[in-house]
Every structure is written in C-alpha cells, then in structure tokens.
Amino acid sequence: MEETESVFIAPYQQPLNIKTWAEEDRPREKLLLKGKAALSDAELIAILIGSGTAKLTAVDVAKLILSAVGNDLNELAKLTVKDLTKHKGIGEAKAISIVSALELGRRRKETATAARTRITCSTDIYNYMKPQLLDLPHEEFWIILLNRANVVMKKESISSGGVAGTVADPKMIFKKALEQLASSIILVHNHPSGNTKPSAADISLTKKMKEAGQFLDLPVLDHIIFTDSDYYSFADEGDL
C-alpha cells in the first residue's frame, strides 16, 4: 500500500459575533464595522475613556456621566477635569481625554460658523458670542476680526478675569488684528452681574481703541457689553 499523508482539517468555526466580545471592547469594533454614526454618545465616550471599573464597563461609566448632565452634551462640555474625576472610574487622564475631545468639537463648530458668519448689526454680534459668554460667572474680553465684507475671520479671547472686571491691552488687541490682516475689529466683554451699563473703564477703553484704530486704518466697529439676557452696543447708542 502507498503511504498517505495525514492531513488535519480544523473544525469549521463561526465568525465571532460582536455579542461574544467583552462589552468594553464593543464600541471600538462597532465603529470599525458600522461606522462612527452608528455609535451612541455613551459608546463614543467609552472609546475615549478606554476602560471601566471592576463592576462597570466603560459604556456603563459613560452612561452615568451623561445621566449626571441630563444626557446633554452641551452641559457635559462645561465640566472641568475636576468635575469629571468625581465620577467613579474616571481619573485625571480619562477626564482630560473627554475635555480635549469636546474642546475639539467646539473648535470645529466655531470654525465652521465663522466661515459663513456676516455681521450686519449688534444683534448678530450678541448671538454670535453666546456660545462663549452665556452663563459665565466671571468677566472675559473677546475680539471679533472681520474682513472688508464684514464676514468673521476669527474671534479670539483676550483676557479672563474676576467677577468685577478683566484687563484688555490695546497693544495686544491690535497686534492680533494686524497678524490676521483684519479690516475691522469688534470688541466684546461680558458683565456677569447682568448690568449692561458701561463703566468708566469701559468708556475709556472704547475711546482709546477707536482712536488707535483710526490711526492704523483698522476701525473699531462696535463694543458690546454682553449679559445673559441683554446687551449694550456703543455703536447703537452713538458712543463710538
């Protein structure tokens, strides 16, 4: 008889079903198989934090975080690293990952909005600055840089202070505007107190900025004092 070679044939195996994978790994595989749009908010956050606890999967931890902010991503974006680390299973590194991801999303939205935003009146300015200034407990000073068609080129934070005020350096403001080759500037700062009346310092700064802008051929079109429910426009009131 001829010798025959023994051939081992492995038993047929069914492809692994996603349900057989560890739950904390499912969001990653689901993204690869079905695409990012198929994932829930909790699953996306679970990918960011990577792992859960001994008793909770990453998805469970993400669901608890979302539940604490009413499943509102806008509210989640307001949380600090310190706020997030109060949740079980979230250390500083994981909290930083969440904060960083949400900040990238905010910047993407800001860039897209700026690319098509044209300022035609003080109300446009007020609405445009709401994402940055609404509900703030402290003062911040911002500038909006415009091109010749009054289309927003960029908005940029100049300073952040306390409840009573913040410092705005005219030299720094015009430096940023000149670097961007802006055609005009709008000044915006908030009053956490809700009082729209300009202070003596607000009036003095606006006057200095107007004079400097005229000299540099970089006009200051308006200065808005922002509150959560109303605003004051130096241009509308004839004070510019």
C-alpha atoms as a PDB file:
ATOM      1  CA  MET A   1       0.000   0.000   0.000  1.00  0.00           C
ATOM      2  CA  GLU A   2       1.033   3.533  -0.686  1.00  0.00           C
ATOM      3  CA  GLU A   3       1.702   5.686   2.286  1.00  0.00           C
ATOM      4  CA  THR A   4      -0.752   8.562   2.512  1.00  0.00           C
ATOM      5  CA  GLU A   5      -0.016  11.859   4.141  1.00  0.00           C
ATOM      6  CA  SER A   6      -2.199  12.626   7.091  1.00  0.00           C
ATOM      7  CA  VAL A   7      -3.948  15.983   6.740  1.00  0.00           C
ATOM      8  CA  PHE A   8      -5.528  17.678   9.739  1.00  0.00           C
ATOM      9  CA  ILE A   9      -8.669  19.617   8.929  1.00  0.00           C
ATOM     10  CA  ALA A  10      -9.651  22.127  11.551  1.00  0.00           C
ATOM     11  CA  PRO A  11     -13.284  22.143  12.529  1.00  0.00           C
ATOM     12  CA  TYR A  12     -15.353  24.928  10.937  1.00  0.00           C
ATOM     13  CA  GLN A  13     -15.646  27.933  13.172  1.00  0.00           C
ATOM     14  CA  GLN A  14     -18.326  30.566  13.011  1.00  0.00           C
ATOM     15  CA  PRO A  15     -17.055  34.169  12.801  1.00  0.00           C
ATOM     16  CA  LEU A  16     -17.016  35.805  16.192  1.00  0.00           C
ATOM     17  CA  ASN A  17     -20.214  37.702  16.832  1.00  0.00           C
ATOM     18  CA  ILE A  18     -19.940  41.153  18.394  1.00  0.00           C
ATOM     19  CA  LYS A  19     -22.013  39.874  21.340  1.00  0.00           C
ATOM     20  CA  THR A  20     -19.216  37.462  22.258  1.00  0.00           C
ATOM     21  CA  TRP A  21     -16.669  40.254  22.711  1.00  0.00           C
ATOM     22  CA  ALA A  22     -16.004  41.948  26.029  1.00  0.00           C
ATOM     23  CA  GLU A  23     -18.511  44.744  26.416  1.00  0.00           C
ATOM     24  CA  GLU A  24     -15.875  47.382  26.905  1.00  0.00           C
ATOM     25  CA  ASP A  25     -14.402  46.457  23.502  1.00  0.00           C
ATOM     26  CA  ARG A  26     -17.639  46.565  21.575  1.00  0.00           C
ATOM     27  CA  PRO A  27     -17.759  50.302  20.808  1.00  0.00           C
ATOM     28  CA  ARG A  28     -14.386  50.182  19.032  1.00  0.00           C
ATOM     29  CA  GLU A  29     -15.338  47.161  16.953  1.00  0.00           C
ATOM     30  CA  LYS A  30     -18.784  48.591  16.270  1.00  0.00           C
ATOM     31  CA  LEU A  31     -17.177  51.756  14.915  1.00  0.00           C
ATOM     32  CA  LEU A  32     -14.970  49.704  12.603  1.00  0.00           C
ATOM     33  CA  LEU A  33     -17.854  47.532  11.396  1.00  0.00           C
ATOM     34  CA  LYS A  34     -20.672  50.054  11.156  1.00  0.00           C
ATOM     35  CA  GLY A  35     -19.049  53.486  11.180  1.00  0.00           C
ATOM     36  CA  LYS A  36     -18.952  56.283  13.730  1.00  0.00           C
ATOM     37  CA  ALA A  37     -22.555  57.374  13.163  1.00  0.00           C
ATOM     38  CA  ALA A  38     -23.815  54.032  14.487  1.00  0.00           C
ATOM     39  CA  LEU A  39     -22.424  54.666  17.962  1.00  0.00           C
ATOM     40  CA  SER A  40     -24.385  56.288  20.786  1.00  0.00           C
ATOM     41  CA  ASP A  41     -22.967  59.199  22.779  1.00  0.00           C
ATOM     42  CA  ALA A  42     -22.156  56.797  25.612  1.00  0.00           C
ATOM     43  CA  GLU A  43     -20.287  54.447  23.284  1.00  0.00           C
ATOM     44  CA  LEU A  44     -18.210  57.292  21.864  1.00  0.00           C
ATOM     45  CA  ILE A  45     -17.297  58.452  25.355  1.00  0.00           C
ATOM     46  CA  ALA A  46     -16.489  54.847  26.274  1.00  0.00           C
ATOM     47  CA  ILE A  47     -13.916  54.787  23.473  1.00  0.00           C
ATOM     48  CA  LEU A  48     -12.348  57.933  24.913  1.00  0.00           C
ATOM     49  CA  ILE A  49     -12.021  56.553  28.435  1.00  0.00           C
ATOM     50  CA  GLY A  50     -10.930  53.105  27.257  1.00  0.00           C
ATOM     51  CA  SER A  51     -11.911  51.047  30.297  1.00  0.00           C
ATOM     52  CA  GLY A  52     -14.376  50.906  33.163  1.00  0.00           C
ATOM     53  CA  THR A  53     -14.107  49.600  36.698  1.00  0.00           C
ATOM     54  CA  ALA A  54     -14.211  46.138  38.269  1.00  0.00           C
ATOM     55  CA  LYS A  55     -18.010  46.268  38.272  1.00  0.00           C
ATOM     56  CA  LEU A  56     -18.789  48.719  35.462  1.00  0.00           C
ATOM     57  CA  THR A  57     -17.875  48.625  31.790  1.00  0.00           C
ATOM     58  CA  ALA A  58     -16.617  51.732  30.029  1.00  0.00           C
ATOM     59  CA  VAL A  59     -20.067  52.108  28.479  1.00  0.00           C
ATOM     60  CA  ASP A  60     -21.699  51.947  31.925  1.00  0.00           C
ATOM     61  CA  VAL A  61     -19.352  54.639  33.246  1.00  0.00           C
ATOM     62  CA  ALA A  62     -20.087  56.813  30.205  1.00  0.00           C
ATOM     63  CA  LYS A  63     -23.838  56.401  30.717  1.00  0.00           C
ATOM     64  CA  LEU A  64     -23.532  57.527  34.348  1.00  0.00           C
ATOM     65  CA  ILE A  65     -21.571  60.620  33.318  1.00  0.00           C
ATOM     66  CA  LEU A  66     -24.150  61.526  30.688  1.00  0.00           C
ATOM     67  CA  SER A  67     -27.017  60.891  33.092  1.00  0.00           C
ATOM     68  CA  ALA A  68     -25.482  63.377  35.551  1.00  0.00           C
ATOM     69  CA  VAL A  69     -25.754  66.150  32.934  1.00  0.00           C
ATOM     70  CA  GLY A  70     -29.197  65.174  31.663  1.00  0.00           C
ATOM     71  CA  ASN A  71     -27.705  63.486  28.585  1.00  0.00           C
ATOM     72  CA  ASP A  72     -26.869  66.955  27.273  1.00  0.00           C
ATOM     73  CA  LEU A  73     -23.501  67.171  25.510  1.00  0.00           C
ATOM     74  CA  ASN A  74     -23.514  70.963  25.844  1.00  0.00           C
ATOM     75  CA  GLU A  75     -23.693  70.580  29.623  1.00  0.00           C
ATOM     76  CA  LEU A  76     -21.012  67.897  29.526  1.00  0.00           C
ATOM     77  CA  ALA A  77     -18.739  70.309  27.671  1.00  0.00           C
ATOM     78  CA  LYS A  78     -18.979  72.744  30.600  1.00  0.00           C
ATOM     79  CA  LEU A  79     -17.477  70.258  33.049  1.00  0.00           C
ATOM     80  CA  THR A  80     -13.876  70.625  34.118  1.00  0.00           C
ATOM     81  CA  VAL A  81     -11.329  67.878  34.658  1.00  0.00           C
ATOM     82  CA  LYS A  82     -12.009  68.199  38.375  1.00  0.00           C
ATOM     83  CA  ASP A  83     -15.764  67.794  37.831  1.00  0.00           C
ATOM     84  CA  LEU A  84     -15.301  64.652  35.753  1.00  0.00           C
ATOM     85  CA  THR A  85     -12.933  62.966  38.198  1.00  0.00           C
ATOM     86  CA  LYS A  86     -15.737  62.955  40.755  1.00  0.00           C
ATOM     87  CA  HIS A  87     -17.270  60.096  38.774  1.00  0.00           C
ATOM     88  CA  LYS A  88     -16.214  56.583  39.735  1.00  0.00           C
ATOM     89  CA  GLY A  89     -13.855  55.123  37.175  1.00  0.00           C
ATOM     90  CA  ILE A  90     -12.699  58.491  35.859  1.00  0.00           C
ATOM     91  CA  GLY A  91      -9.176  59.504  36.726  1.00  0.00           C
ATOM     92  CA  GLU A  92      -7.369  62.609  35.585  1.00  0.00           C
ATOM     93  CA  ALA A  93      -6.100  61.087  32.328  1.00  0.00           C
ATOM     94  CA  LYS A  94      -9.576  59.930  31.284  1.00  0.00           C
ATOM     95  CA  ALA A  95     -11.099  63.275  32.258  1.00  0.00           C
ATOM     96  CA  ILE A  96      -8.507  65.083  30.149  1.00  0.00           C
ATOM     97  CA  SER A  97      -9.397  62.879  27.166  1.00  0.00           C
ATOM     98  CA  ILE A  98     -13.088  63.800  27.462  1.00  0.00           C
ATOM     99  CA  VAL A  99     -12.415  67.521  27.916  1.00  0.00           C
ATOM    100  CA  SER A 100      -9.990  67.544  24.971  1.00  0.00           C
ATOM    101  CA  ALA A 101     -12.416  65.760  22.637  1.00  0.00           C
ATOM    102  CA  LEU A 102     -15.259  68.129  23.474  1.00  0.00           C
ATOM    103  CA  GLU A 103     -12.998  71.154  23.008  1.00  0.00           C
ATOM    104  CA  LEU A 104     -12.017  69.907  19.555  1.00  0.00           C
ATOM    105  CA  GLY A 105     -15.695  69.591  18.704  1.00  0.00           C
ATOM    106  CA  ARG A 106     -16.336  73.135  19.909  1.00  0.00           C
ATOM    107  CA  ARG A 107     -13.460  74.495  17.843  1.00  0.00           C
ATOM    108  CA  ARG A 108     -14.660  72.668  14.756  1.00  0.00           C
ATOM    109  CA  LYS A 109     -18.111  74.156  15.170  1.00  0.00           C
ATOM    110  CA  GLU A 110     -16.636  77.586  15.792  1.00  0.00           C
ATOM    111  CA  THR A 111     -14.512  77.397  12.643  1.00  0.00           C
ATOM    112  CA  ALA A 112     -17.449  76.296  10.520  1.00  0.00           C
ATOM    113  CA  THR A 113     -19.665  79.052  11.920  1.00  0.00           C
ATOM    114  CA  ALA A 114     -17.051  81.744  11.490  1.00  0.00           C
ATOM    115  CA  ALA A 115     -16.562  80.800   7.849  1.00  0.00           C
ATOM    116  CA  ARG A 116     -20.103  81.860   6.963  1.00  0.00           C
ATOM    117  CA  THR A 117     -20.990  84.474   9.571  1.00  0.00           C
ATOM    118  CA  ARG A 118     -21.507  88.024   8.364  1.00  0.00           C
ATOM    119  CA  ILE A 119     -22.036  90.762  10.941  1.00  0.00           C
ATOM    120  CA  THR A 120     -24.719  93.242   9.943  1.00  0.00           C
ATOM    121  CA  CYS A 121     -25.909  94.597  13.305  1.00  0.00           C
ATOM    122  CA  SER A 122     -25.331  94.462  17.055  1.00  0.00           C
ATOM    123  CA  THR A 123     -27.806  91.593  17.450  1.00  0.00           C
ATOM    124  CA  ASP A 124     -25.639  89.482  15.132  1.00  0.00           C
ATOM    125  CA  ILE A 125     -22.678  90.130  17.443  1.00  0.00           C
ATOM    126  CA  TYR A 126     -24.660  89.240  20.563  1.00  0.00           C
ATOM    127  CA  ASN A 127     -25.937  85.963  19.114  1.00  0.00           C
ATOM    128  CA  TYR A 128     -22.523  85.066  17.707  1.00  0.00           C
ATOM    129  CA  MET A 129     -20.860  85.410  21.121  1.00  0.00           C
ATOM    130  CA  LYS A 130     -23.453  83.471  23.129  1.00  0.00           C
ATOM    131  CA  PRO A 131     -21.559  80.147  22.978  1.00  0.00           C
ATOM    132  CA  GLN A 132     -18.549  81.772  24.660  1.00  0.00           C
ATOM    133  CA  LEU A 133     -20.127  84.200  27.133  1.00  0.00           C
ATOM    134  CA  LEU A 134     -23.503  82.837  28.193  1.00  0.00           C
ATOM    135  CA  ASP A 135     -23.704  81.767  31.857  1.00  0.00           C
ATOM    136  CA  LEU A 136     -20.128  82.773  32.686  1.00  0.00           C
ATOM    137  CA  PRO A 137     -19.566  83.656  36.373  1.00  0.00           C
ATOM    138  CA  HIS A 138     -16.555  85.855  35.536  1.00  0.00           C
ATOM    139  CA  GLU A 139     -15.666  88.561  33.013  1.00  0.00           C
ATOM    140  CA  GLU A 140     -13.994  87.797  29.712  1.00  0.00           C
ATOM    141  CA  PHE A 141     -12.864  90.124  26.933  1.00  0.00           C
ATOM    142  CA  TRP A 142     -13.028  88.992  23.305  1.00  0.00           C
ATOM    143  CA  ILE A 143     -12.423  90.479  19.877  1.00  0.00           C
ATOM    144  CA  ILE A 144     -14.069  89.628  16.574  1.00  0.00           C
ATOM    145  CA  LEU A 145     -11.939  90.200  13.485  1.00  0.00           C
ATOM    146  CA  LEU A 146     -13.712  90.971  10.210  1.00  0.00           C
ATOM    147  CA  ASN A 147     -12.730  91.198   6.555  1.00  0.00           C
ATOM    148  CA  ARG A 148     -13.825  94.003   4.222  1.00  0.00           C
ATOM    149  CA  ALA A 149     -17.212  92.340   3.673  1.00  0.00           C
ATOM    150  CA  ASN A 150     -17.821  92.237   7.465  1.00  0.00           C
ATOM    151  CA  VAL A 151     -17.501  88.446   7.402  1.00  0.00           C
ATOM    152  CA  VAL A 152     -15.953  86.978  10.540  1.00  0.00           C
ATOM    153  CA  MET A 153     -12.358  85.907  10.086  1.00  0.00           C
ATOM    154  CA  LYS A 154     -11.799  84.882  13.685  1.00  0.00           C
ATOM    155  CA  LYS A 155     -12.900  85.514  17.246  1.00  0.00           C
ATOM    156  CA  GLU A 156     -10.313  85.405  19.962  1.00  0.00           C
ATOM    157  CA  SER A 157     -10.170  85.622  23.726  1.00  0.00           C
ATOM    158  CA  ILE A 158      -8.037  88.492  25.012  1.00  0.00           C
ATOM    159  CA  SER A 159      -8.354  88.101  28.760  1.00  0.00           C
ATOM    160  CA  SER A 160     -10.287  86.446  31.559  1.00  0.00           C
ATOM    161  CA  GLY A 161     -10.755  87.997  34.970  1.00  0.00           C
ATOM    162  CA  GLY A 162     -12.890  88.012  38.064  1.00  0.00           C
ATOM    163  CA  VAL A 163     -16.487  88.914  38.757  1.00  0.00           C
ATOM    164  CA  ALA A 164     -15.776  92.644  38.762  1.00  0.00           C
ATOM    165  CA  GLY A 165     -13.578  93.032  35.696  1.00  0.00           C
ATOM    166  CA  THR A 166     -10.843  91.933  33.328  1.00  0.00           C
ATOM    167  CA  VAL A 167      -7.938  93.683  31.634  1.00  0.00           C
ATOM    168  CA  ALA A 168      -7.805  94.362  27.895  1.00  0.00           C
ATOM    169  CA  ASP A 169      -4.483  95.553  26.477  1.00  0.00           C
ATOM    170  CA  PRO A 170      -4.979  97.665  23.296  1.00  0.00           C
ATOM    171  CA  LYS A 171      -1.483  96.777  22.053  1.00  0.00           C
ATOM    172  CA  MET A 172      -2.253  93.057  22.262  1.00  0.00           C
ATOM    173  CA  ILE A 173      -5.624  93.517  20.566  1.00  0.00           C
ATOM    174  CA  PHE A 174      -4.210  95.396  17.576  1.00  0.00           C
ATOM    175  CA  LYS A 175      -1.262  93.002  17.343  1.00  0.00           C
ATOM    176  CA  LYS A 176      -3.650  90.086  16.895  1.00  0.00           C
ATOM    177  CA  ALA A 177      -5.750  92.036  14.370  1.00  0.00           C
ATOM    178  CA  LEU A 178      -2.711  93.023  12.301  1.00  0.00           C
ATOM    179  CA  GLU A 179      -1.369  89.465  12.317  1.00  0.00           C
ATOM    180  CA  GLN A 180      -4.657  88.253  10.822  1.00  0.00           C
ATOM    181  CA  LEU A 181      -4.762  91.149   8.297  1.00  0.00           C
ATOM    182  CA  ALA A 182      -8.207  92.063   9.576  1.00  0.00           C
ATOM    183  CA  SER A 183     -10.073  95.025   8.109  1.00  0.00           C
ATOM    184  CA  SER A 184     -12.017  95.912  11.260  1.00  0.00           C
ATOM    185  CA  ILE A 185     -12.499  94.915  14.888  1.00  0.00           C
ATOM    186  CA  ILE A 186     -15.438  94.403  17.231  1.00  0.00           C
ATOM    187  CA  LEU A 187     -14.869  94.428  20.988  1.00  0.00           C
ATOM    188  CA  VAL A 188     -16.994  92.259  23.284  1.00  0.00           C
ATOM    189  CA  HIS A 189     -16.929  91.691  27.022  1.00  0.00           C
ATOM    190  CA  ASN A 190     -19.485  90.379  29.478  1.00  0.00           C
ATOM    191  CA  HIS A 191     -20.913  91.661  32.762  1.00  0.00           C
ATOM    192  CA  PRO A 192     -21.802  88.659  34.950  1.00  0.00           C
ATOM    193  CA  SER A 193     -23.884  90.989  37.155  1.00  0.00           C
ATOM    194  CA  GLY A 194     -26.404  91.437  34.343  1.00  0.00           C
ATOM    195  CA  ASN A 195     -25.900  95.215  34.320  1.00  0.00           C
ATOM    196  CA  THR A 196     -25.463  96.462  30.748  1.00  0.00           C
ATOM    197  CA  LYS A 197     -24.394  99.975  31.732  1.00  0.00           C
ATOM    198  CA  PRO A 198     -20.780 100.661  30.681  1.00  0.00           C
ATOM    199  CA  SER A 199     -18.303 101.547  33.413  1.00  0.00           C
ATOM    200  CA  ALA A 200     -15.912 104.472  33.261  1.00  0.00           C
ATOM    201  CA  ALA A 201     -13.161 101.982  32.358  1.00  0.00           C
ATOM    202  CA  ASP A 202     -15.312 100.573  29.528  1.00  0.00           C
ATOM    203  CA  ILE A 203     -15.867 104.057  28.106  1.00  0.00           C
ATOM    204  CA  SER A 204     -12.191 104.993  28.398  1.00  0.00           C
ATOM    205  CA  LEU A 205     -11.008 101.786  26.702  1.00  0.00           C
ATOM    206  CA  THR A 206     -13.508 102.185  23.866  1.00  0.00           C
ATOM    207  CA  LYS A 207     -12.291 105.746  23.229  1.00  0.00           C
ATOM    208  CA  LYS A 208      -8.631 104.654  23.173  1.00  0.00           C
ATOM    209  CA  MET A 209      -9.389 101.737  20.868  1.00  0.00           C
ATOM    210  CA  LYS A 210     -11.358 103.941  18.466  1.00  0.00           C
ATOM    211  CA  GLU A 211      -8.526 106.479  18.238  1.00  0.00           C
ATOM    212  CA  ALA A 212      -5.873 103.799  17.738  1.00  0.00           C
ATOM    213  CA  GLY A 213      -8.000 102.085  15.104  1.00  0.00           C
ATOM    214  CA  GLN A 214      -8.371 105.278  13.124  1.00  0.00           C
ATOM    215  CA  PHE A 215      -4.605 105.802  13.160  1.00  0.00           C
ATOM    216  CA  LEU A 216      -3.933 102.209  11.975  1.00  0.00           C
ATOM    217  CA  ASP A 217      -6.779 102.202   9.431  1.00  0.00           C
ATOM    218  CA  LEU A 218      -8.305  99.355  11.445  1.00  0.00           C
ATOM    219  CA  PRO A 219     -11.648 100.718  12.621  1.00  0.00           C
ATOM    220  CA  VAL A 220     -13.436  99.531  15.747  1.00  0.00           C
ATOM    221  CA  LEU A 221     -16.998  98.965  14.560  1.00  0.00           C
ATOM    222  CA  ASP A 222     -18.626  98.326  17.942  1.00  0.00           C
ATOM    223  CA  HIS A 223     -18.086  97.426  21.562  1.00  0.00           C
ATOM    224  CA  ILE A 224     -20.702  95.110  23.011  1.00  0.00           C
ATOM    225  CA  ILE A 225     -21.331  94.658  26.724  1.00  0.00           C
ATOM    226  CA  PHE A 226     -22.850  91.187  26.967  1.00  0.00           C
ATOM    227  CA  THR A 227     -25.202  89.889  29.644  1.00  0.00           C
ATOM    228  CA  ASP A 228     -27.213  86.662  29.670  1.00  0.00           C
ATOM    229  CA  SER A 229     -30.459  88.461  28.841  1.00  0.00           C
ATOM    230  CA  ASP A 230     -29.468  91.701  27.093  1.00  0.00           C
ATOM    231  CA  TYR A 231     -26.581  93.758  25.741  1.00  0.00           C
ATOM    232  CA  TYR A 232     -25.293  97.292  25.307  1.00  0.00           C
ATOM    233  CA  SER A 233     -23.917  98.456  21.955  1.00  0.00           C
ATOM    234  CA  PHE A 234     -21.646 101.511  21.927  1.00  0.00           C
ATOM    235  CA  ALA A 235     -22.364 101.927  18.197  1.00  0.00           C
ATOM    236  CA  ASP A 236     -26.152 101.754  18.606  1.00  0.00           C
ATOM    237  CA  GLU A 237     -26.051 104.254  21.449  1.00  0.00           C
ATOM    238  CA  GLY A 238     -23.888 106.697  19.492  1.00  0.00           C
ATOM    239  CA  ASP A 239     -20.957 106.325  21.887  1.00  0.00           C
ATOM    240  CA  LEU A 240     -18.448 105.134  19.329  1.00  0.00           C
END
